C-alpha atoms as a PDB file:
ATOM      1  CA  MET A   1     134.359  99.393 212.067  1.00  0.00           C
ATOM      2  CA  GLN A   2     135.864  96.954 213.642  1.00  0.00           C
ATOM      3  CA  ILE A   3     138.972  97.694 216.086  1.00  0.00           C
ATOM      4  CA  LEU A   4     140.503  94.367 216.948  1.00  0.00           C
ATOM      5  CA  HIS A   5     143.644  93.568 219.252  1.00  0.00           C
ATOM      6  CA  ARG A   6     143.779  89.757 219.057  1.00  0.00           C
ATOM      7  CA  ILE A   7     145.425  87.709 216.060  1.00  0.00           C
ATOM      8  CA  GLN A   8     142.567  85.357 216.437  1.00  0.00           C
ATOM      9  CA  ASP A   9     139.807  87.544 216.258  1.00  0.00           C
ATOM     10  CA  VAL A  10     141.563  89.044 212.978  1.00  0.00           C
ATOM     11  CA  ARG A  11     141.411  85.662 211.485  1.00  0.00           C
ATOM     12  CA  GLU A  12     137.886  84.934 212.539  1.00  0.00           C
ATOM     13  CA  ALA A  13     136.656  88.228 210.994  1.00  0.00           C
ATOM     14  CA  VAL A  14     138.347  87.540 207.882  1.00  0.00           C
ATOM     15  CA  LYS A  15     137.146  84.023 207.505  1.00  0.00           C
ATOM     16  CA  THR A  16     133.528  84.876 208.588  1.00  0.00           C
ATOM     17  CA  ALA A  17     133.513  87.535 205.661  1.00  0.00           C
ATOM     18  CA  ARG A  18     134.785  84.947 203.471  1.00  0.00           C
ATOM     19  CA  ALA A  19     132.226  82.638 204.465  1.00  0.00           C
ATOM     20  CA  GLU A  20     129.538  84.988 203.700  1.00  0.00           C
ATOM     21  CA  ASN A  21     131.009  86.181 200.308  1.00  0.00           C
ATOM     22  CA  SER A  22     132.794  83.646 198.401  1.00  0.00           C
ATOM     23  CA  GLY A  23     134.290  86.131 195.940  1.00  0.00           C
ATOM     24  CA  LEU A  24     135.491  88.298 198.562  1.00  0.00           C
ATOM     25  CA  LYS A  25     138.280  90.135 197.504  1.00  0.00           C
ATOM     26  CA  VAL A  26     140.391  91.487 200.865  1.00  0.00           C
ATOM     27  CA  GLY A  27     142.838  94.608 200.535  1.00  0.00           C
ATOM     28  CA  PHE A  28     145.316  95.198 203.306  1.00  0.00           C
ATOM     29  CA  VAL A  29     147.480  98.201 204.306  1.00  0.00           C
ATOM     30  CA  PRO A  30     149.940  97.709 206.801  1.00  0.00           C
ATOM     31  CA  THR A  31     151.059 100.665 208.984  1.00  0.00           C
ATOM     32  CA  MET A  32     152.889 101.800 211.927  1.00  0.00           C
ATOM     33  CA  GLY A  33     150.176 104.132 212.668  1.00  0.00           C
ATOM     34  CA  TYR A  34     150.371 108.264 212.989  1.00  0.00           C
ATOM     35  CA  LEU A  35     148.352 108.341 209.879  1.00  0.00           C
ATOM     36  CA  HIS A  36     148.035 111.313 207.407  1.00  0.00           C
ATOM     37  CA  LYS A  37     147.033 111.592 203.878  1.00  0.00           C
ATOM     38  CA  GLY A  38     149.621 109.487 202.488  1.00  0.00           C
ATOM     39  CA  HIS A  39     148.379 106.565 204.378  1.00  0.00           C
ATOM     40  CA  ALA A  40     144.774 107.603 203.537  1.00  0.00           C
ATOM     41  CA  SER A  41     145.378 107.385 199.845  1.00  0.00           C
ATOM     42  CA  LEU A  42     146.598 103.739 200.298  1.00  0.00           C
ATOM     43  CA  LEU A  43     143.319 103.103 202.384  1.00  0.00           C
ATOM     44  CA  GLU A  44     141.277 104.707 199.581  1.00  0.00           C
ATOM     45  CA  ALA A  45     142.964 102.747 196.753  1.00  0.00           C
ATOM     46  CA  ALA A  46     142.163  99.518 198.768  1.00  0.00           C
ATOM     47  CA  ARG A  47     138.714 100.796 199.272  1.00  0.00           C
ATOM     48  CA  GLU A  48     138.290 101.039 195.401  1.00  0.00           C
ATOM     49  CA  GLN A  49     139.633  97.779 194.657  1.00  0.00           C
ATOM     50  CA  SER A  50     138.759  95.305 197.568  1.00  0.00           C
ATOM     51  CA  ASP A  51     135.436  94.238 199.307  1.00  0.00           C
ATOM     52  CA  LEU A  52     137.099  94.032 202.606  1.00  0.00           C
ATOM     53  CA  VAL A  53     139.800  96.611 203.782  1.00  0.00           C
ATOM     54  CA  VAL A  54     141.915  95.745 206.521  1.00  0.00           C
ATOM     55  CA  LEU A  55     144.408  98.297 208.240  1.00  0.00           C
ATOM     56  CA  SER A  56     147.276  97.309 210.719  1.00  0.00           C
ATOM     57  CA  ILE A  57     148.412  99.727 213.219  1.00  0.00           C
ATOM     58  CA  PHE A  58     151.626  98.583 214.881  1.00  0.00           C
ATOM     59  CA  VAL A  59     155.123 100.091 215.659  1.00  0.00           C
ATOM     60  CA  ASN A  60     157.501  97.248 214.994  1.00  0.00           C
ATOM     61  CA  PRO A  61     160.304  97.175 217.378  1.00  0.00           C
ATOM     62  CA  LEU A  62     162.068  94.524 214.819  1.00  0.00           C
ATOM     63  CA  GLN A  63     162.693  97.226 212.479  1.00  0.00           C
ATOM     64  CA  PHE A  64     164.402  99.748 214.851  1.00  0.00           C
ATOM     65  CA  GLY A  65     168.053  99.720 215.467  1.00  0.00           C
ATOM     66  CA  PRO A  66     169.664 100.021 219.150  1.00  0.00           C
ATOM     67  CA  ASN A  67     170.191 104.166 218.529  1.00  0.00           C
ATOM     68  CA  GLU A  68     166.880 104.844 216.515  1.00  0.00           C
ATOM     69  CA  ASP A  69     163.855 106.466 217.703  1.00  0.00           C
ATOM     70  CA  LEU A  70     161.227 103.442 218.748  1.00  0.00           C
ATOM     71  CA  SER A  71     160.228 105.213 221.964  1.00  0.00           C
ATOM     72  CA  ARG A  72     159.855 108.671 220.265  1.00  0.00           C
ATOM     73  CA  TYR A  73     157.984 107.250 217.290  1.00  0.00           C
ATOM     74  CA  PRO A  74     154.774 109.291 217.095  1.00  0.00           C
ATOM     75  CA  ARG A  75     151.364 107.686 218.105  1.00  0.00           C
ATOM     76  CA  ASP A  76     147.882 109.068 218.092  1.00  0.00           C
ATOM     77  CA  GLN A  77     145.353 106.294 218.372  1.00  0.00           C
ATOM     78  CA  GLU A  78     142.195 108.508 217.979  1.00  0.00           C
ATOM     79  CA  ARG A  79     143.652 110.268 214.746  1.00  0.00           C
ATOM     80  CA  ASP A  80     144.714 107.268 213.406  1.00  0.00           C
ATOM     81  CA  LEU A  81     140.873 105.668 213.875  1.00  0.00           C
ATOM     82  CA  ALA A  82     139.425 108.752 212.640  1.00  0.00           C
ATOM     83  CA  VAL A  83     141.601 108.677 209.059  1.00  0.00           C
ATOM     84  CA  ALA A  84     140.541 105.002 209.047  1.00  0.00           C
ATOM     85  CA  ARG A  85     136.848 105.323 209.566  1.00  0.00           C
ATOM     86  CA  ALA A  86     136.805 108.121 206.836  1.00  0.00           C
ATOM     87  CA  ALA A  87     138.731 106.313 204.581  1.00  0.00           C
ATOM     88  CA  GLY A  88     136.092 103.696 204.844  1.00  0.00           C
ATOM     89  CA  THR A  89     138.359 101.135 206.511  1.00  0.00           C
ATOM     90  CA  ASP A  90     136.357  97.846 207.634  1.00  0.00           C
ATOM     91  CA  ILE A  91     138.566  96.196 210.287  1.00  0.00           C
ATOM     92  CA  VAL A  92     141.719  97.692 212.383  1.00  0.00           C
ATOM     93  CA  PHE A  93     144.121  95.450 213.838  1.00  0.00           C
ATOM     94  CA  PHE A  94     145.584  97.034 216.544  1.00  0.00           C
ATOM     95  CA  PRO A  95     147.893  94.538 218.140  1.00  0.00           C
ATOM     96  CA  SER A  96     150.311  94.957 221.002  1.00  0.00           C
ATOM     97  CA  VAL A  97     154.170  94.272 221.111  1.00  0.00           C
ATOM     98  CA  GLU A  98     152.983  90.853 223.401  1.00  0.00           C
ATOM     99  CA  GLU A  99     150.384  89.953 220.902  1.00  0.00           C
ATOM    100  CA  MET A 100     152.973  89.908 217.980  1.00  0.00           C
ATOM    101  CA  TYR A 101     155.827  88.771 219.802  1.00  0.00           C
ATOM    102  CA  PRO A 102     154.713  86.514 222.615  1.00  0.00           C
ATOM    103  CA  GLN A 103     157.907  85.062 222.915  1.00  0.00           C
ATOM    104  CA  PRO A 104     161.487  86.019 221.560  1.00  0.00           C
ATOM    105  CA  THR A 105     161.757  85.508 217.946  1.00  0.00           C
ATOM    106  CA  LYS A 106     163.988  82.812 216.565  1.00  0.00           C
ATOM    107  CA  THR A 107     162.725  83.080 213.110  1.00  0.00           C
ATOM    108  CA  VAL A 108     163.535  85.959 210.738  1.00  0.00           C
ATOM    109  CA  VAL A 109     162.918  86.521 207.108  1.00  0.00           C
ATOM    110  CA  SER A 110     165.749  88.095 205.473  1.00  0.00           C
ATOM    111  CA  VAL A 111     165.976  89.427 201.618  1.00  0.00           C
ATOM    112  CA  SER A 112     169.349  89.487 200.296  1.00  0.00           C
ATOM    113  CA  GLU A 113     170.576  91.986 197.718  1.00  0.00           C
ATOM    114  CA  VAL A 114     167.775  94.220 197.270  1.00  0.00           C
ATOM    115  CA  THR A 115     168.536  95.034 201.179  1.00  0.00           C
ATOM    116  CA  GLU A 116     172.092  95.781 200.769  1.00  0.00           C
ATOM    117  CA  ARG A 117     171.908  99.543 199.462  1.00  0.00           C
ATOM    118  CA  LEU A 118     170.326 102.534 200.302  1.00  0.00           C
ATOM    119  CA  CYS A 119     168.395 102.154 203.802  1.00  0.00           C
ATOM    120  CA  GLY A 120     169.759  98.552 204.373  1.00  0.00           C
ATOM    121  CA  ALA A 121     172.966  99.705 204.125  1.00  0.00           C
ATOM    122  CA  ALA A 122     172.401 102.748 206.567  1.00  0.00           C
ATOM    123  CA  ARG A 123     170.201 100.855 208.873  1.00  0.00           C
ATOM    124  CA  PRO A 124     171.631  97.187 209.419  1.00  0.00           C
ATOM    125  CA  GLY A 125     168.769  94.555 210.076  1.00  0.00           C
ATOM    126  CA  HIS A 126     166.224  97.120 209.487  1.00  0.00           C
ATOM    127  CA  PHE A 127     164.569  95.218 206.228  1.00  0.00           C
ATOM    128  CA  ASP A 128     164.889  91.892 208.444  1.00  0.00           C
ATOM    129  CA  GLY A 129     162.560  93.433 210.649  1.00  0.00           C
ATOM    130  CA  VAL A 130     159.942  94.754 208.118  1.00  0.00           C
ATOM    131  CA  ALA A 131     160.055  91.409 206.183  1.00  0.00           C
ATOM    132  CA  THR A 132     159.416  89.374 209.282  1.00  0.00           C
ATOM    133  CA  VAL A 133     156.471  91.566 210.600  1.00  0.00           C
ATOM    134  CA  VAL A 134     154.948  91.653 207.044  1.00  0.00           C
ATOM    135  CA  THR A 135     155.257  87.821 206.478  1.00  0.00           C
ATOM    136  CA  LYS A 136     153.644  87.735 209.854  1.00  0.00           C
ATOM    137  CA  LEU A 137     150.641  90.144 208.876  1.00  0.00           C
ATOM    138  CA  PHE A 138     150.364  88.560 205.527  1.00  0.00           C
ATOM    139  CA  ASN A 139     149.464  85.225 207.667  1.00  0.00           C
ATOM    140  CA  ILE A 140     147.153  86.526 209.732  1.00  0.00           C
ATOM    141  CA  VAL A 141     145.096  88.873 207.519  1.00  0.00           C
ATOM    142  CA  GLN A 142     145.630  86.518 204.310  1.00  0.00           C
ATOM    143  CA  PRO A 143     144.982  89.393 202.040  1.00  0.00           C
ATOM    144  CA  ASP A 144     144.586  89.270 198.256  1.00  0.00           C
ATOM    145  CA  GLN A 145     146.303  92.587 197.800  1.00  0.00           C
ATOM    146  CA  ALA A 146     148.635  94.916 199.986  1.00  0.00           C
ATOM    147  CA  TYR A 147     148.847  98.391 199.507  1.00  0.00           C
ATOM    148  CA  PHE A 148     152.257 100.160 200.246  1.00  0.00           C
ATOM    149  CA  GLY A 149     153.437 103.972 199.493  1.00  0.00           C
ATOM    150  CA  LEU A 150     156.511 104.534 197.349  1.00  0.00           C
ATOM    151  CA  LYS A 151     157.904 107.139 199.496  1.00  0.00           C
ATOM    152  CA  ASP A 152     159.812 103.979 200.697  1.00  0.00           C
ATOM    153  CA  ALA A 153     160.178 102.135 197.198  1.00  0.00           C
ATOM    154  CA  GLN A 154     163.027  99.889 198.651  1.00  0.00           C
ATOM    155  CA  GLN A 155     160.586  98.537 200.945  1.00  0.00           C
ATOM    156  CA  ILE A 156     158.413  97.739 198.043  1.00  0.00           C
ATOM    157  CA  ALA A 157     161.198  96.252 196.224  1.00  0.00           C
ATOM    158  CA  VAL A 158     162.140  94.327 199.077  1.00  0.00           C
ATOM    159  CA  ILE A 159     158.482  92.866 199.774  1.00  0.00           C
ATOM    160  CA  GLN A 160     158.035  92.190 196.130  1.00  0.00           C
ATOM    161  CA  GLN A 161     161.262  90.298 196.203  1.00  0.00           C
ATOM    162  CA  MET A 162     159.918  88.299 199.226  1.00  0.00           C
ATOM    163  CA  VAL A 163     156.273  87.267 197.914  1.00  0.00           C
ATOM    164  CA  ASP A 164     158.091  86.402 194.534  1.00  0.00           C
ATOM    165  CA  ASP A 165     160.848  83.903 196.307  1.00  0.00           C
ATOM    166  CA  LEU A 166     158.293  82.398 198.986  1.00  0.00           C
ATOM    167  CA  ASN A 167     155.205  82.195 196.635  1.00  0.00           C
ATOM    168  CA  THR A 168     153.081  84.368 198.736  1.00  0.00           C
ATOM    169  CA  PRO A 169     149.682  84.814 197.143  1.00  0.00           C
ATOM    170  CA  VAL A 170     149.429  88.345 197.704  1.00  0.00           C
ATOM    171  CA  GLY A 171     149.572  91.184 195.192  1.00  0.00           C
ATOM    172  CA  ILE A 172     151.689  94.142 196.059  1.00  0.00           C
ATOM    173  CA  VAL A 173     150.139  97.483 194.794  1.00  0.00           C
ATOM    174  CA  PRO A 174     152.359 100.475 194.991  1.00  0.00           C
ATOM    175  CA  CYS A 175     150.548 103.626 195.376  1.00  0.00           C
ATOM    176  CA  PRO A 176     152.272 106.907 194.542  1.00  0.00           C
ATOM    177  CA  ILE A 177     154.099 109.533 196.899  1.00  0.00           C
ATOM    178  CA  VAL A 178     151.598 111.690 198.435  1.00  0.00           C
ATOM    179  CA  ARG A 179     153.207 115.331 199.094  1.00  0.00           C
ATOM    180  CA  GLU A 180     152.333 118.595 200.980  1.00  0.00           C
ATOM    181  CA  GLU A 181     151.335 121.505 198.987  1.00  0.00           C
ATOM    182  CA  ASP A 182     155.169 122.802 199.053  1.00  0.00           C
ATOM    183  CA  GLY A 183     156.245 119.525 197.876  1.00  0.00           C
ATOM    184  CA  LEU A 184     157.436 117.778 200.816  1.00  0.00           C
ATOM    185  CA  ALA A 185     156.872 114.149 201.024  1.00  0.00           C
ATOM    186  CA  MET A 186     154.118 113.176 203.649  1.00  0.00           C
ATOM    187  CA  SER A 187     155.909 111.427 206.686  1.00  0.00           C
ATOM    188  CA  SER A 188     155.057 110.797 210.218  1.00  0.00           C
ATOM    189  CA  ARG A 189     158.372 112.080 211.045  1.00  0.00           C
ATOM    190  CA  ASN A 190     157.688 115.317 209.607  1.00  0.00           C
ATOM    191  CA  VAL A 191     156.277 116.456 212.757  1.00  0.00           C
ATOM    192  CA  TYR A 192     160.091 116.104 214.627  1.00  0.00           C
ATOM    193  CA  LEU A 193     161.185 118.939 212.127  1.00  0.00           C
ATOM    194  CA  GLN A 194     161.892 122.388 213.574  1.00  0.00           C
ATOM    195  CA  PRO A 195     160.549 125.499 211.452  1.00  0.00           C
ATOM    196  CA  GLU A 196     163.774 126.047 209.746  1.00  0.00           C
ATOM    197  CA  GLU A 197     164.396 122.363 209.560  1.00  0.00           C
ATOM    198  CA  ARG A 198     161.061 122.083 207.507  1.00  0.00           C
ATOM    199  CA  LYS A 199     161.708 124.945 205.258  1.00  0.00           C
ATOM    200  CA  GLN A 200     164.796 123.599 204.207  1.00  0.00           C
ATOM    201  CA  ALA A 201     163.887 120.194 203.814  1.00  0.00           C
ATOM    202  CA  LEU A 202     161.923 121.389 200.716  1.00  0.00           C
ATOM    203  CA  VAL A 203     165.403 120.617 198.920  1.00  0.00           C
ATOM    204  CA  LEU A 204     164.852 117.099 198.530  1.00  0.00           C
ATOM    205  CA  SER A 205     161.563 117.523 196.257  1.00  0.00           C
ATOM    206  CA  ALA A 206     163.521 120.195 194.329  1.00  0.00           C
ATOM    207  CA  ALA A 207     166.533 118.156 193.741  1.00  0.00           C
ATOM    208  CA  LEU A 208     164.478 115.505 192.499  1.00  0.00           C
ATOM    209  CA  ARG A 209     162.463 117.730 190.126  1.00  0.00           C
ATOM    210  CA  MET A 210     165.894 119.119 189.125  1.00  0.00           C
ATOM    211  CA  ALA A 211     167.212 115.760 188.354  1.00  0.00           C
ATOM    212  CA  GLU A 212     164.186 114.725 186.474  1.00  0.00           C
ATOM    213  CA  GLY A 213     164.215 117.857 184.081  1.00  0.00           C
ATOM    214  CA  LEU A 214     168.091 117.004 183.407  1.00  0.00           C
ATOM    215  CA  VAL A 215     166.933 113.156 182.346  1.00  0.00           C
ATOM    216  CA  GLN A 216     164.271 114.745 180.213  1.00  0.00           C
ATOM    217  CA  SER A 217     166.562 117.422 178.462  1.00  0.00           C
ATOM    218  CA  ASP A 218     169.176 115.003 177.966  1.00  0.00           C
ATOM    219  CA  SER A 219     170.223 114.453 174.521  1.00  0.00           C
ATOM    220  CA  GLY A 220     171.945 111.008 175.565  1.00  0.00           C
ATOM    221  CA  SER A 221     175.366 111.919 177.100  1.00  0.00           C
ATOM    222  CA  LEU A 222     174.202 112.182 180.673  1.00  0.00           C
ATOM    223  CA  GLN A 223     175.930 109.675 182.959  1.00  0.00           C
ATOM    224  CA  ALA A 224     174.513 108.551 186.380  1.00  0.00           C
ATOM    225  CA  GLU A 225     177.330 109.666 188.573  1.00  0.00           C
ATOM    226  CA  GLU A 226     177.030 113.301 187.009  1.00  0.00           C
ATOM    227  CA  LEU A 227     173.653 113.375 187.612  1.00  0.00           C
ATOM    228  CA  ARG A 228     174.101 112.108 191.193  1.00  0.00           C
ATOM    229  CA  GLN A 229     176.652 114.926 191.911  1.00  0.00           C
ATOM    230  CA  ALA A 230     174.139 117.593 190.375  1.00  0.00           C
ATOM    231  CA  VAL A 231     171.575 116.150 193.166  1.00  0.00           C
ATOM    232  CA  ILE A 232     174.340 116.250 195.957  1.00  0.00           C
ATOM    233  CA  ASP A 233     175.197 119.945 195.019  1.00  0.00           C
ATOM    234  CA  HIS A 234     171.544 120.804 194.989  1.00  0.00           C
ATOM    235  CA  ILE A 235     171.195 119.481 198.157  1.00  0.00           C
ATOM    236  CA  ARG A 236     174.165 121.201 199.710  1.00  0.00           C
ATOM    237  CA  GLN A 237     172.673 124.421 198.947  1.00  0.00           C
ATOM    238  CA  SER A 238     170.704 123.786 202.168  1.00  0.00           C
ATOM    239  CA  PRO A 239     173.068 124.295 205.040  1.00  0.00           C
ATOM    240  CA  LEU A 240     171.106 122.390 207.474  1.00  0.00           C
ATOM    241  CA  ALA A 241     171.232 119.354 205.236  1.00  0.00           C
ATOM    242  CA  ASP A 242     173.109 116.309 206.331  1.00  0.00           C
ATOM    243  CA  ILE A 243     173.390 113.806 203.411  1.00  0.00           C
ATOM    244  CA  ASP A 244     172.774 110.014 204.526  1.00  0.00           C
ATOM    245  CA  TYR A 245     173.068 108.861 200.738  1.00  0.00           C
ATOM    246  CA  ALA A 246     171.972 110.113 197.328  1.00  0.00           C
ATOM    247  CA  ASP A 247     172.204 107.123 195.101  1.00  0.00           C
ATOM    248  CA  ILE A 248     170.991 106.018 191.452  1.00  0.00           C
ATOM    249  CA  LEU A 249     170.157 102.543 191.085  1.00  0.00           C
ATOM    250  CA  ALA A 250     168.115 100.324 188.544  1.00  0.00           C
ATOM    251  CA  TYR A 251     164.520  99.554 189.878  1.00  0.00           C
ATOM    252  CA  PRO A 252     163.377  97.324 191.505  1.00  0.00           C
ATOM    253  CA  SER A 253     166.671  95.342 191.220  1.00  0.00           C
ATOM    254  CA  LEU A 254     168.644  98.409 192.991  1.00  0.00           C
ATOM    255  CA  VAL A 255     171.635  97.389 191.277  1.00  0.00           C
ATOM    256  CA  PRO A 256     174.011 100.083 190.452  1.00  0.00           C
ATOM    257  CA  VAL A 257     173.431 102.029 187.330  1.00  0.00           C
ATOM    258  CA  THR A 258     176.262 103.692 184.653  1.00  0.00           C
ATOM    259  CA  ASP A 259     174.503 104.175 181.623  1.00  0.00           C
ATOM    260  CA  LEU A 260     171.077 105.781 182.093  1.00  0.00           C
ATOM    261  CA  ARG A 261     170.203 105.194 178.368  1.00  0.00           C
ATOM    262  CA  SER A 262     170.085 101.553 178.833  1.00  0.00           C
ATOM    263  CA  THR A 263     168.113 101.356 182.085  1.00  0.00           C
ATOM    264  CA  PRO A 264     164.480 100.792 181.600  1.00  0.00           C
ATOM    265  CA  ALA A 265     163.812 102.323 184.840  1.00  0.00           C
ATOM    266  CA  PHE A 266     165.853 103.629 187.755  1.00  0.00           C
ATOM    267  CA  ILE A 267     165.384 105.242 190.881  1.00  0.00           C
ATOM    268  CA  ILE A 268     167.179 108.601 192.481  1.00  0.00           C
ATOM    269  CA  ALA A 269     166.851 107.568 195.992  1.00  0.00           C
ATOM    270  CA  LEU A 270     167.617 110.066 198.747  1.00  0.00           C
ATOM    271  CA  ALA A 271     168.051 109.869 202.710  1.00  0.00           C
ATOM    272  CA  VAL A 272     168.890 113.557 204.355  1.00  0.00           C
ATOM    273  CA  LYS A 273     168.883 114.279 207.889  1.00  0.00           C
ATOM    274  CA  PHE A 274     167.663 117.713 209.150  1.00  0.00           C
ATOM    275  CA  GLY A 275     168.616 118.144 212.952  1.00  0.00           C
ATOM    276  CA  LYS A 276     167.689 114.805 214.323  1.00  0.00           C
ATOM    277  CA  THR A 277     165.109 113.965 211.652  1.00  0.00           C
ATOM    278  CA  ARG A 278     166.304 111.476 208.586  1.00  0.00           C
ATOM    279  CA  LEU A 279     163.958 112.056 205.621  1.00  0.00           C
ATOM    280  CA  ILE A 280     163.729 109.836 202.595  1.00  0.00           C
ATOM    281  CA  ASP A 281     162.269 110.798 199.249  1.00  0.00           C
ATOM    282  CA  ASN A 282     162.614 109.378 195.765  1.00  0.00           C
ATOM    283  CA  ILE A 283     161.617 109.507 192.247  1.00  0.00           C
ATOM    284  CA  ILE A 284     161.463 106.631 189.779  1.00  0.00           C
ATOM    285  CA  ILE A 285     162.101 107.470 185.796  1.00  0.00           C
ATOM    286  CA  ARG A 286     161.206 105.128 183.648  1.00  0.00           C
ATOM    287  CA  LYS A 287     161.971 105.113 179.900  1.00  0.00           C
END
């Protein structure tokens, strides 16, 4: 496994690999590190479908707001490399902020509409930072396919819109949410949860399962707002839960839904704070 820190070295490594194998397929997994089983599942999917697997680990300052946890974001380089090695990664790109942004950025990639709800509304500028750094990483690695976890389903919708609009020759591969045995969606931020917060956070996956059951048993009369209110009421059973949003939107367009019956696919998306820790979770229901 190669561990590279410079953009030019990554480009040369991928170029050399392609020169040695004209049909080489490059799979890419962009992350912010502090890797867990969810990230490992992305790497494993890339390993199964690619000849060369590239992982990037970069805590991107552009996607953090002024009052967000950039300095607190967990980091563990040794563990990250162990996870990468176990998943069969070929190249780890571990750049510094100075390598990625040697001068103030004057060019920003901004995707409209799909960024205007959910985390886009709650975190202004966040998806500009995501789209900009992913564009940079795609230009550096030039992968055939890139793998993203559906825990951040809005991020996938944003990146898919971006590559479609810009004719970026990268296939976006959504991968299932990986959960703890008790149902909590795996996240690098789970480490911040205090024991009681961790216990009460299980209400998120429970609320989503409840909502899925309501949809499956519906005879056709259930409306989106009724379902949304049922989810909110369920979450509010946990006294530590502070709801940022609980929304039901068409997926991947992320436009509001009123009639569930006429919507081929919709997402029930949650963002809830437990103490200082903001967790997201979702389920996509397809008819």
